[in-house]
């Protein structure tokens, strides 16, 4: 059997009522004729939406098929033992030309009970934001369920939400239960559990091209919401050149920011995990024993667990910026 190598996948583009042009214009992706591209699913194990390899001799094979064949060599032994052939993370770029609905995701326990699925904890890294852009994370004051229902029924929900103005590089951790929404003018990277369960709470009275409002999940959301006020979603960090600095570390994933100038070595021999790199700015190369693969802005690659030692090298006289993602 041929050796595994770093993998690129065919993006799965999603048209959204709130989508725009930045996935094409800023990330340089060929979205075809899609008029409102809101999401690019870079690596997905979601049933019926599983990513296909786009490079090398495995081109055309699905991520699920690869895990069936390569098992722990691809994802890491401990990860394979826990998740089997289901890839545990969903990696996206999101372009909000208009604000998304106010929503919440269930935790693992509630998702398993209701949907026989995993819950959704996620994080956001802002790649580009128009001036004055905002997003929503949680509530700005303590609430109980009855108070929340009163605000909701009286049409005053927006009064109690916590708004955060954002710029490039801002990072937010969104655990299950946290009410949230991405605002207009924001392009971001999203790392999350493999789950497509979203409870839509309020959609600003929008309608589709046929004049129909999108479905709300008011009652389902009520049991999923964490009513504590938001205090710690925005991640504080200082990026250091040629150092992988943790942004978010939780039981579902670890994500770091890596500004790259020149060449550095990465050693994951003790981690027993795959590693994902998302190109956020500039270009660089990943060099391993058997080859070299370029990573450009807007590209995402998966480094198999069996390739646990490699080098990253930026283009000459420039700084590349990567998100580095793995499961610890």
Protein backbone atom coordinates (compact mmCIF):
# COMPACT_ATOMS: atom_id res chain seq x y z
CA UNK A 1 0.00 0.00 0.00
CA UNK A 2 1.33 3.44 -0.96
CA UNK A 3 2.30 5.81 1.82
CA UNK A 4 -0.03 8.52 3.05
CA UNK A 5 0.76 12.14 2.27
CA UNK A 6 -0.67 15.60 3.20
CA UNK A 7 -4.13 15.85 1.70
CA UNK A 8 -6.11 18.62 0.06
CA UNK A 9 -9.87 18.28 -0.42
CA UNK A 10 -12.44 19.64 -2.86
CA UNK A 11 -14.30 22.44 -1.06
CA UNK A 12 -18.04 22.02 -0.58
CA UNK A 13 -19.57 25.42 -1.32
CA UNK A 14 -22.86 26.42 0.30
CA UNK A 15 -25.24 29.07 -1.00
CA UNK A 16 -26.76 31.04 1.87
CA UNK A 17 -29.33 33.82 2.05
CA UNK A 18 -26.67 35.87 3.87
CA UNK A 19 -23.66 34.83 1.72
CA UNK A 20 -21.48 37.06 -0.47
CA UNK A 21 -18.36 37.39 -2.59
CA UNK A 22 -15.43 37.22 -0.15
CA UNK A 23 -14.81 33.48 -0.45
CA UNK A 24 -14.06 34.17 -4.12
CA UNK A 25 -12.52 37.63 -3.88
CA UNK A 26 -10.53 37.41 -0.63
CA UNK A 27 -9.76 33.68 -0.44
CA UNK A 28 -9.36 33.25 -4.22
CA UNK A 29 -11.68 30.24 -4.44
CA UNK A 30 -13.44 29.18 -7.62
CA UNK A 31 -17.07 29.10 -6.47
CA UNK A 32 -18.43 28.89 -10.01
CA UNK A 33 -21.74 30.66 -10.59
CA UNK A 34 -22.93 30.42 -6.96
CA UNK A 35 -24.55 33.83 -6.34
CA UNK A 36 -24.38 34.00 -2.53
CA UNK A 37 -21.61 31.71 -1.32
CA UNK A 38 -21.81 31.78 2.46
CA UNK A 39 -19.68 28.77 3.39
CA UNK A 40 -16.79 26.72 2.07
CA UNK A 41 -16.65 23.38 3.87
CA UNK A 42 -12.94 22.64 3.69
CA UNK A 43 -12.86 19.29 5.51
CA UNK A 44 -16.09 17.52 6.37
CA UNK A 45 -17.15 14.15 7.69
CA UNK A 46 -20.81 15.16 7.97
CA UNK A 47 -23.00 12.36 6.54
CA UNK A 48 -23.99 13.03 2.91
CA UNK A 49 -21.45 15.91 2.87
CA UNK A 50 -18.15 14.01 3.15
CA UNK A 51 -15.06 15.66 1.62
CA UNK A 52 -13.30 14.20 -1.43
CA UNK A 53 -9.50 14.27 -1.87
CA UNK A 54 -8.30 16.61 -4.63
CA UNK A 55 -4.55 15.82 -4.82
CA UNK A 56 -2.27 12.82 -5.29
CA UNK A 57 -3.04 9.17 -5.96
CA UNK A 58 -5.98 9.21 -3.51
CA UNK A 59 -7.78 11.91 -5.52
CA UNK A 60 -11.52 11.24 -5.68
CA UNK A 61 -11.61 9.10 -2.55
CA UNK A 62 -13.79 10.27 0.33
CA UNK A 63 -12.44 11.11 3.77
CA UNK A 64 -14.58 8.31 5.21
CA UNK A 65 -13.08 5.77 2.77
CA UNK A 66 -9.58 6.88 3.73
CA UNK A 67 -10.26 6.40 7.43
CA UNK A 68 -11.65 2.92 6.72
CA UNK A 69 -8.40 1.95 5.00
CA UNK A 70 -5.74 3.86 6.95
CA UNK A 71 -7.46 4.11 10.37
CA UNK A 72 -5.05 5.42 13.04
CA UNK A 73 -2.35 6.16 10.48
CA UNK A 74 -4.61 8.91 9.14
CA UNK A 75 -6.34 10.31 12.23
CA UNK A 76 -4.36 8.88 15.17
CA UNK A 77 -5.05 5.65 17.07
CA UNK A 78 -6.89 7.21 20.02
CA UNK A 79 -9.08 9.28 17.68
CA UNK A 80 -9.92 6.25 15.53
CA UNK A 81 -10.82 4.24 18.63
CA UNK A 82 -13.26 6.96 19.73
CA UNK A 83 -14.82 8.09 16.43
CA UNK A 84 -14.32 5.17 14.04
CA UNK A 85 -14.73 6.25 10.41
CA UNK A 86 -16.43 9.56 11.31
CA UNK A 87 -14.01 12.47 11.07
CA UNK A 88 -14.42 14.45 14.33
CA UNK A 89 -14.06 18.04 13.06
CA UNK A 90 -15.80 20.23 10.49
CA UNK A 91 -13.55 22.95 9.05
CA UNK A 92 -15.12 25.94 7.27
CA UNK A 93 -14.66 29.41 5.88
CA UNK A 94 -17.75 31.61 6.38
CA UNK A 95 -18.59 34.84 4.54
CA UNK A 96 -21.38 36.87 6.13
CA UNK A 97 -22.38 39.56 3.61
CA UNK A 98 -25.44 39.95 5.82
CA UNK A 99 -25.94 38.98 9.46
CA UNK A 100 -26.66 35.36 10.28
CA UNK A 101 -29.59 34.28 12.40
CA UNK A 102 -29.33 34.35 16.18
CA UNK A 103 -28.78 30.71 17.09
CA UNK A 104 -27.55 28.16 19.61
CA UNK A 105 -26.16 24.63 19.42
CA UNK A 106 -26.93 21.73 21.78
CA UNK A 107 -24.25 20.00 23.85
CA UNK A 108 -23.29 16.36 23.32
CA UNK A 109 -25.83 15.02 25.81
CA UNK A 110 -28.82 16.87 24.37
CA UNK A 111 -27.76 16.22 20.76
CA UNK A 112 -27.39 12.51 21.43
CA UNK A 113 -30.80 12.36 23.11
CA UNK A 114 -32.61 14.31 20.37
CA UNK A 115 -30.65 13.62 17.20
CA UNK A 116 -28.33 10.65 17.89
CA UNK A 117 -25.48 13.01 16.99
CA UNK A 118 -22.69 15.04 18.58
CA UNK A 119 -23.30 18.55 19.86
CA UNK A 120 -21.49 21.56 18.52
CA UNK A 121 -18.73 23.52 20.21
CA UNK A 122 -16.90 25.81 17.80
CA UNK A 123 -14.48 28.71 17.45
CA UNK A 124 -14.07 31.65 15.06
CA UNK A 125 -10.97 33.37 13.71
CA UNK A 126 -11.75 36.63 11.90
CA UNK A 127 -9.86 36.80 8.58
CA UNK A 128 -11.34 40.08 7.40
CA UNK A 129 -14.00 42.42 8.75
CA UNK A 130 -15.55 45.56 7.31
CA UNK A 131 -15.23 48.62 9.51
CA UNK A 132 -17.74 48.56 12.35
CA UNK A 133 -18.64 44.88 11.90
CA UNK A 134 -20.08 43.17 14.96
CA UNK A 135 -20.95 39.69 16.10
CA UNK A 136 -23.05 38.40 18.98
CA UNK A 137 -21.81 36.19 21.82
CA UNK A 138 -24.19 35.45 24.66
CA UNK A 139 -26.12 37.83 26.89
CA UNK A 140 -24.99 41.11 28.43
CA UNK A 141 -26.69 40.44 31.76
CA UNK A 142 -27.70 37.44 33.90
CA UNK A 143 -31.02 35.88 32.92
CA UNK A 144 -33.21 32.99 33.89
CA UNK A 145 -35.38 31.06 31.46
CA UNK A 146 -38.57 32.95 32.34
CA UNK A 147 -36.93 36.35 31.82
CA UNK A 148 -35.50 35.24 28.50
CA UNK A 149 -38.93 34.04 27.31
CA UNK A 150 -40.44 37.39 28.30
CA UNK A 151 -37.87 39.32 26.22
CA UNK A 152 -38.30 36.91 23.32
CA UNK A 153 -42.11 37.03 23.24
CA UNK A 154 -42.16 40.82 23.46
CA UNK A 155 -39.80 41.14 20.46
CA UNK A 156 -37.01 42.62 22.60
CA UNK A 157 -34.45 39.82 22.30
CA UNK A 158 -31.79 42.06 20.74
CA UNK A 159 -31.80 44.29 23.84
CA UNK A 160 -30.18 41.59 25.99
CA UNK A 161 -27.56 40.28 23.56
CA UNK A 162 -23.82 40.95 23.90
CA UNK A 163 -22.39 42.67 20.79
CA UNK A 164 -18.65 42.61 20.01
CA UNK A 165 -17.02 44.84 17.38
CA UNK A 166 -14.36 42.86 15.48
CA UNK A 167 -11.28 43.25 13.31
CA UNK A 168 -8.84 40.92 11.56
CA UNK A 169 -7.27 38.41 13.96
CA UNK A 170 -10.01 38.53 16.59
CA UNK A 171 -10.82 35.06 17.90
CA UNK A 172 -13.87 33.77 19.76
CA UNK A 173 -14.65 30.48 21.52
CA UNK A 174 -18.29 29.43 21.14
CA UNK A 175 -19.15 26.48 23.41
CA UNK A 176 -22.44 24.65 23.02
CA UNK A 177 -25.23 26.54 24.77
CA UNK A 178 -23.89 30.01 23.97
CA UNK A 179 -26.33 32.13 21.96
CA UNK A 180 -24.42 33.69 19.05
CA UNK A 181 -24.52 35.20 15.56
CA UNK A 182 -21.97 36.31 12.99
CA UNK A 183 -22.61 39.87 11.87
CA UNK A 184 -22.62 41.55 8.46
CA UNK A 185 -19.25 42.13 6.76
CA UNK A 186 -17.25 39.37 8.46
CA UNK A 187 -15.14 36.65 6.80
CA UNK A 188 -13.92 34.02 9.24
CA UNK A 189 -12.54 30.53 9.72
CA UNK A 190 -14.70 28.22 11.81
CA UNK A 191 -13.45 25.07 13.54
CA UNK A 192 -16.15 22.91 15.12
CA UNK A 193 -17.24 19.45 16.13
CA UNK A 194 -18.66 17.34 13.33
CA UNK A 195 -22.27 18.37 13.69
CA UNK A 196 -24.74 20.25 11.54
CA UNK A 197 -27.30 20.83 14.31
CA UNK A 198 -28.33 24.47 14.68
CA UNK A 199 -31.32 25.83 16.58
CA UNK A 200 -32.36 29.08 14.91
CA UNK A 201 -33.82 31.47 17.50
CA UNK A 202 -34.47 34.65 15.52
CA UNK A 203 -33.83 35.54 11.87
CA UNK A 204 -34.57 39.28 11.85
CA UNK A 205 -37.90 38.62 10.05
CA UNK A 206 -36.13 37.72 6.78
CA UNK A 207 -37.87 35.88 3.97
CA UNK A 208 -36.49 33.86 1.06
CA UNK A 209 -37.01 34.57 -2.67
CA UNK A 210 -40.49 33.02 -2.39
CA UNK A 211 -41.45 35.25 0.53
CA UNK A 212 -41.22 32.49 3.11
CA UNK A 213 -39.52 32.96 6.49
CA UNK A 214 -36.88 30.42 7.48
CA UNK A 215 -37.82 27.84 10.11
CA UNK A 216 -37.22 28.79 13.74
CA UNK A 217 -36.52 26.31 16.53
CA UNK A 218 -37.78 28.32 19.48
CA UNK A 219 -38.75 25.46 21.79
CA UNK A 220 -35.77 23.25 20.95
CA UNK A 221 -33.42 26.17 21.64
CA UNK A 222 -34.90 26.91 25.04
CA UNK A 223 -33.47 23.76 26.65
CA UNK A 224 -30.08 24.23 24.96
CA UNK A 225 -29.37 27.84 26.01
CA UNK A 226 -26.85 28.73 28.71
CA UNK A 227 -28.34 31.80 30.41
CA UNK A 228 -25.18 33.02 32.12
CA UNK A 229 -23.92 36.41 30.89
CA UNK A 230 -21.11 36.27 28.33
CA UNK A 231 -17.71 37.13 29.80
CA UNK A 232 -14.92 35.14 28.15
CA UNK A 233 -15.69 34.33 24.51
CA UNK A 234 -13.12 36.74 23.06
CA UNK A 235 -9.69 35.07 23.18
CA UNK A 236 -6.73 37.13 24.35
CA UNK A 237 -3.44 36.20 22.72
CA UNK A 238 -0.18 37.58 21.36
CA UNK A 239 1.01 36.10 18.06
CA UNK A 240 4.77 35.51 17.85
CA UNK A 241 6.60 34.93 14.57
CA UNK A 242 7.60 31.27 14.04
CA UNK A 243 5.81 30.19 17.23
CA UNK A 244 2.56 28.21 17.36
CA UNK A 245 0.48 30.13 19.92
CA UNK A 246 -2.65 28.48 21.33
CA UNK A 247 -5.91 30.29 20.67
CA UNK A 248 -8.39 27.68 21.88
CA UNK A 249 -7.69 24.46 23.75
CA UNK A 250 -10.69 22.30 24.62
CA UNK A 251 -11.50 18.60 24.67
CA UNK A 252 -12.75 18.76 21.08
CA UNK A 253 -9.81 20.53 19.40
CA UNK A 254 -6.76 22.70 19.88
CA UNK A 255 -6.28 25.63 17.50
CA UNK A 256 -3.17 27.80 17.32
CA UNK A 257 -2.05 30.77 15.24
CA UNK A 258 1.31 30.44 13.48
CA UNK A 259 2.88 33.45 11.73
CA UNK A 260 5.61 31.92 9.60
CA UNK A 261 8.79 33.61 8.35
CA UNK A 262 11.49 31.31 6.97
CA UNK A 263 11.49 27.64 7.98
CA UNK A 264 10.50 25.85 11.18
CA UNK A 265 10.15 22.21 12.26
CA UNK A 266 6.90 20.80 13.66
CA UNK A 267 7.03 17.59 15.71
CA UNK A 268 3.78 15.82 16.68
CA UNK A 269 5.31 12.42 17.50
CA UNK A 270 3.88 12.46 21.03
CA UNK A 271 0.42 13.76 20.10
CA UNK A 272 -1.06 10.80 18.11
CA UNK A 273 -3.25 13.07 15.99
CA UNK A 274 -3.78 14.43 12.50
CA UNK A 275 -2.92 18.13 11.99
CA UNK A 276 -4.86 20.60 9.85
CA UNK A 277 -3.43 23.83 8.43
CA UNK A 278 -5.64 26.64 7.12
CA UNK A 279 -3.92 29.28 5.00
CA UNK A 280 -5.01 32.66 6.37
CA UNK A 281 -2.45 34.95 4.76
CA UNK A 282 0.42 34.56 2.29
CA UNK A 283 1.85 31.27 1.03
CA UNK A 284 4.14 28.58 2.41
CA UNK A 285 5.20 24.98 1.86
CA UNK A 286 4.91 21.87 3.98
CA UNK A 287 7.97 19.65 3.55
CA UNK A 288 8.06 16.04 4.73
CA UNK A 289 10.37 13.10 4.08
CA UNK A 290 8.77 12.16 0.78
CA UNK A 291 7.67 15.46 -0.69
CA UNK A 292 6.55 19.07 -0.57
CA UNK A 293 3.10 20.66 -0.74
CA UNK A 294 2.25 24.35 -1.10
CA UNK A 295 -0.36 26.03 1.11
CA UNK A 296 -1.85 29.25 -0.26
CA UNK A 297 -4.25 31.69 1.35
CA UNK A 298 -7.69 30.10 1.41
CA UNK A 299 -6.38 26.53 1.23
CA UNK A 300 -6.69 23.84 3.90
CA UNK A 301 -4.62 20.66 4.21
CA UNK A 302 -4.78 17.59 6.42
CA UNK A 303 -1.48 16.09 7.58
CA UNK A 304 -1.98 12.40 8.48
CA UNK A 305 -1.00 11.31 11.98
CA UNK A 306 1.67 8.99 10.57
CA UNK A 307 3.55 12.05 9.23
CA UNK A 308 4.36 13.42 12.66
CA UNK A 309 7.53 15.34 11.84
CA UNK A 310 7.78 17.91 9.05
CA UNK A 311 8.90 21.43 8.17
CA UNK A 312 6.98 24.54 7.23
CA UNK A 313 8.65 27.16 5.04
CA UNK A 314 7.23 30.54 4.03
CA UNK A 315 7.73 32.14 0.64
CA UNK A 316 10.94 34.16 0.48
CA UNK A 317 10.86 37.57 2.21
CA UNK A 318 7.24 37.24 3.29
CA UNK A 319 5.24 36.15 6.33
CA UNK A 320 2.58 33.50 5.97
CA UNK A 321 -0.13 33.06 8.56
CA UNK A 322 -1.62 29.65 9.38
CA UNK A 323 -4.18 28.21 11.73
CA UNK A 324 -2.89 24.91 13.15
CA UNK A 325 -5.57 22.50 14.36
CA UNK A 326 -5.36 19.10 16.05
CA UNK A 327 -6.91 17.01 18.81
CA UNK A 328 -4.83 16.68 21.96
